[in-house]
Amino acid sequence: MSDNGEIDYAHRNTVNLVAVIGLLALAIIVIVTLNMLDRQRKTQRCVDSGRRDCFAIETPPVAQGAPRADR
């Protein structure tokens, strides 16, 4: 605020923008963390139930006509 009681709207808008960006970043971090915890919980529940196909193992695609390594 200035000496004569006027409000500095440019500074106020800048502070509000920074606050909104900070809250959005915090919300994104919370959502990502909750998704990771949920995925871990589901995987742990799968392992605890005795299943063997709980983890996806990615294999490279085999080109058409290419000889396979297991032959």
N, C-alpha and C. Protein backbone atom coordinates (compact mmCIF):
# COMPACT_ATOMS: atom_id res chain seq x y z
N MET A 1 0.83 -1.18 0.00
CA MET A 1 0.00 0.00 0.00
C MET A 1 0.87 1.25 0.00
N SER A 2 0.37 2.24 -0.63
CA SER A 2 1.07 3.51 -0.67
C SER A 2 0.75 4.30 0.60
N ASP A 3 1.39 5.43 0.74
CA ASP A 3 1.18 6.26 1.93
C ASP A 3 -0.22 6.83 1.99
N ASN A 4 -0.84 7.08 0.84
CA ASN A 4 -2.15 7.71 0.84
C ASN A 4 -3.29 6.70 0.84
N GLY A 5 -3.04 5.43 1.07
CA GLY A 5 -4.08 4.44 1.22
C GLY A 5 -4.53 3.77 -0.07
N GLU A 6 -3.86 4.00 -1.19
CA GLU A 6 -4.25 3.37 -2.44
C GLU A 6 -3.73 1.93 -2.47
N ILE A 7 -4.48 1.08 -3.14
CA ILE A 7 -4.11 -0.32 -3.23
C ILE A 7 -3.33 -0.54 -4.52
N ASP A 8 -2.22 -1.26 -4.42
CA ASP A 8 -1.39 -1.57 -5.58
C ASP A 8 -1.96 -2.84 -6.22
N TYR A 9 -2.84 -2.67 -7.22
CA TYR A 9 -3.52 -3.81 -7.84
C TYR A 9 -2.57 -4.69 -8.65
N ALA A 10 -1.55 -4.12 -9.24
CA ALA A 10 -0.60 -4.93 -10.01
C ALA A 10 0.13 -5.91 -9.09
N HIS A 11 0.58 -5.44 -7.94
CA HIS A 11 1.26 -6.31 -6.99
C HIS A 11 0.29 -7.36 -6.43
N ARG A 12 -0.91 -6.94 -6.16
CA ARG A 12 -1.93 -7.86 -5.63
C ARG A 12 -2.24 -8.97 -6.64
N ASN A 13 -2.37 -8.62 -7.91
CA ASN A 13 -2.62 -9.61 -8.96
C ASN A 13 -1.44 -10.57 -9.10
N THR A 14 -0.23 -10.05 -9.01
CA THR A 14 0.96 -10.89 -9.11
C THR A 14 1.01 -11.90 -7.96
N VAL A 15 0.73 -11.44 -6.76
CA VAL A 15 0.74 -12.33 -5.60
C VAL A 15 -0.36 -13.38 -5.74
N ASN A 16 -1.53 -13.01 -6.20
CA ASN A 16 -2.60 -13.97 -6.40
C ASN A 16 -2.24 -15.00 -7.46
N LEU A 17 -1.60 -14.58 -8.53
CA LEU A 17 -1.19 -15.50 -9.59
C LEU A 17 -0.16 -16.50 -9.07
N VAL A 18 0.79 -16.02 -8.29
CA VAL A 18 1.80 -16.90 -7.71
C VAL A 18 1.13 -17.90 -6.76
N ALA A 19 0.15 -17.46 -5.99
CA ALA A 19 -0.56 -18.34 -5.07
C ALA A 19 -1.34 -19.42 -5.84
N VAL A 20 -1.98 -19.05 -6.93
CA VAL A 20 -2.74 -20.02 -7.73
C VAL A 20 -1.80 -21.04 -8.36
N ILE A 21 -0.67 -20.59 -8.87
CA ILE A 21 0.30 -21.51 -9.46
C ILE A 21 0.84 -22.47 -8.40
N GLY A 22 1.12 -21.96 -7.22
CA GLY A 22 1.59 -22.81 -6.13
C GLY A 22 0.55 -23.85 -5.73
N LEU A 23 -0.72 -23.45 -5.65
CA LEU A 23 -1.77 -24.40 -5.29
C LEU A 23 -1.97 -25.45 -6.38
N LEU A 24 -1.89 -25.05 -7.64
CA LEU A 24 -1.99 -26.03 -8.73
C LEU A 24 -0.85 -27.04 -8.70
N ALA A 25 0.36 -26.56 -8.44
CA ALA A 25 1.51 -27.46 -8.34
C ALA A 25 1.32 -28.43 -7.17
N LEU A 26 0.84 -27.94 -6.05
CA LEU A 26 0.60 -28.79 -4.90
C LEU A 26 -0.49 -29.83 -5.19
N ALA A 27 -1.55 -29.42 -5.89
CA ALA A 27 -2.62 -30.35 -6.24
C ALA A 27 -2.11 -31.44 -7.18
N ILE A 28 -1.27 -31.08 -8.14
CA ILE A 28 -0.72 -32.07 -9.06
C ILE A 28 0.17 -33.06 -8.32
N ILE A 29 0.97 -32.57 -7.39
CA ILE A 29 1.84 -33.45 -6.60
C ILE A 29 1.01 -34.41 -5.77
N VAL A 30 -0.06 -33.92 -5.16
CA VAL A 30 -0.93 -34.79 -4.35
C VAL A 30 -1.60 -35.85 -5.21
N ILE A 31 -2.08 -35.48 -6.38
CA ILE A 31 -2.76 -36.44 -7.26
C ILE A 31 -1.78 -37.51 -7.73
N VAL A 32 -0.58 -37.12 -8.13
CA VAL A 32 0.42 -38.10 -8.58
C VAL A 32 0.79 -39.04 -7.44
N THR A 33 0.97 -38.50 -6.24
CA THR A 33 1.32 -39.33 -5.09
C THR A 33 0.22 -40.31 -4.76
N LEU A 34 -1.02 -39.87 -4.78
CA LEU A 34 -2.14 -40.77 -4.49
C LEU A 34 -2.26 -41.86 -5.55
N ASN A 35 -2.04 -41.53 -6.81
CA ASN A 35 -2.06 -42.55 -7.87
C ASN A 35 -0.95 -43.58 -7.68
N MET A 36 0.23 -43.14 -7.29
CA MET A 36 1.33 -44.07 -7.05
C MET A 36 1.02 -44.99 -5.88
N LEU A 37 0.45 -44.43 -4.81
CA LEU A 37 0.09 -45.25 -3.65
C LEU A 37 -1.00 -46.25 -4.01
N ASP A 38 -1.95 -45.85 -4.82
CA ASP A 38 -3.02 -46.76 -5.22
C ASP A 38 -2.47 -47.89 -6.07
N ARG A 39 -1.58 -47.58 -7.01
CA ARG A 39 -0.98 -48.61 -7.84
C ARG A 39 -0.17 -49.58 -6.99
N GLN A 40 0.57 -49.06 -6.00
CA GLN A 40 1.35 -49.91 -5.12
C GLN A 40 0.43 -50.81 -4.28
N ARG A 41 -0.68 -50.26 -3.80
CA ARG A 41 -1.63 -51.04 -3.00
C ARG A 41 -2.23 -52.17 -3.83
N LYS A 42 -2.59 -51.88 -5.07
CA LYS A 42 -3.16 -52.91 -5.94
C LYS A 42 -2.14 -54.00 -6.24
N THR A 43 -0.90 -53.62 -6.48
CA THR A 43 0.15 -54.60 -6.74
C THR A 43 0.40 -55.46 -5.51
N GLN A 44 0.43 -54.84 -4.34
CA GLN A 44 0.66 -55.59 -3.11
C GLN A 44 -0.49 -56.56 -2.85
N ARG A 45 -1.71 -56.14 -3.11
CA ARG A 45 -2.86 -57.01 -2.93
C ARG A 45 -2.78 -58.20 -3.90
N CYS A 46 -2.32 -57.98 -5.11
CA CYS A 46 -2.16 -59.05 -6.09
C CYS A 46 -1.10 -60.04 -5.64
N VAL A 47 0.04 -59.54 -5.16
CA VAL A 47 1.10 -60.41 -4.70
C VAL A 47 0.66 -61.21 -3.47
N ASP A 48 -0.04 -60.55 -2.55
CA ASP A 48 -0.50 -61.22 -1.33
C ASP A 48 -1.51 -62.32 -1.63
N SER A 49 -2.23 -62.19 -2.73
CA SER A 49 -3.21 -63.22 -3.07
C SER A 49 -2.56 -64.44 -3.73
N GLY A 50 -1.27 -64.37 -4.02
CA GLY A 50 -0.55 -65.51 -4.56
C GLY A 50 -0.50 -65.57 -6.07
N ARG A 51 -0.95 -64.55 -6.74
CA ARG A 51 -0.90 -64.55 -8.20
C ARG A 51 0.51 -64.34 -8.69
N ARG A 52 0.79 -64.84 -9.90
CA ARG A 52 2.13 -64.72 -10.46
C ARG A 52 2.21 -63.70 -11.58
N ASP A 53 1.08 -63.19 -12.02
CA ASP A 53 1.07 -62.26 -13.15
C ASP A 53 0.82 -60.82 -12.70
N CYS A 54 1.36 -60.44 -11.56
CA CYS A 54 1.11 -59.10 -11.01
C CYS A 54 1.93 -58.02 -11.70
N PHE A 55 3.08 -58.38 -12.21
CA PHE A 55 3.96 -57.38 -12.82
C PHE A 55 4.02 -57.60 -14.33
N ALA A 56 3.86 -56.53 -15.06
CA ALA A 56 3.94 -56.61 -16.52
C ALA A 56 5.41 -56.52 -16.93
N ILE A 57 5.88 -57.52 -17.64
CA ILE A 57 7.25 -57.52 -18.12
C ILE A 57 7.20 -57.19 -19.61
N GLU A 58 7.73 -56.05 -19.94
CA GLU A 58 7.70 -55.61 -21.33
C GLU A 58 8.81 -56.29 -22.11
N THR A 59 8.46 -56.80 -23.28
CA THR A 59 9.44 -57.41 -24.16
C THR A 59 9.43 -56.64 -25.47
N PRO A 60 10.57 -56.56 -26.12
CA PRO A 60 10.61 -55.83 -27.39
C PRO A 60 9.82 -56.59 -28.45
N PRO A 61 9.19 -55.86 -29.35
CA PRO A 61 8.44 -56.53 -30.40
C PRO A 61 9.37 -57.25 -31.37
N VAL A 62 8.88 -58.35 -31.92
CA VAL A 62 9.64 -59.13 -32.89
C VAL A 62 9.21 -58.71 -34.28
N ALA A 63 10.18 -58.42 -35.13
CA ALA A 63 9.87 -58.00 -36.50
C ALA A 63 9.37 -59.18 -37.29
N GLN A 64 8.49 -58.94 -38.25
CA GLN A 64 7.95 -60.00 -39.11
C GLN A 64 9.07 -60.64 -39.91
N GLY A 65 9.15 -61.95 -39.85
CA GLY A 65 10.14 -62.67 -40.63
C GLY A 65 11.50 -62.76 -39.99
N ALA A 66 11.72 -62.10 -38.87
CA ALA A 66 13.01 -62.16 -38.21
C ALA A 66 13.10 -63.44 -37.39
N PRO A 67 14.26 -64.08 -37.39
CA PRO A 67 14.39 -65.30 -36.60
C PRO A 67 14.35 -64.97 -35.10
N ARG A 68 13.67 -65.83 -34.36
CA ARG A 68 13.55 -65.62 -32.92
C ARG A 68 14.78 -66.19 -32.23
N ALA A 69 15.12 -65.61 -31.09
CA ALA A 69 16.31 -66.02 -30.38
C ALA A 69 16.14 -67.36 -29.67
N ASP A 70 14.88 -67.77 -29.38
CA ASP A 70 14.68 -68.99 -28.62
C ASP A 70 14.64 -70.25 -29.51
N ARG A 71 14.90 -70.13 -30.76
CA ARG A 71 14.89 -71.29 -31.67
C ARG A 71 16.27 -71.76 -31.95
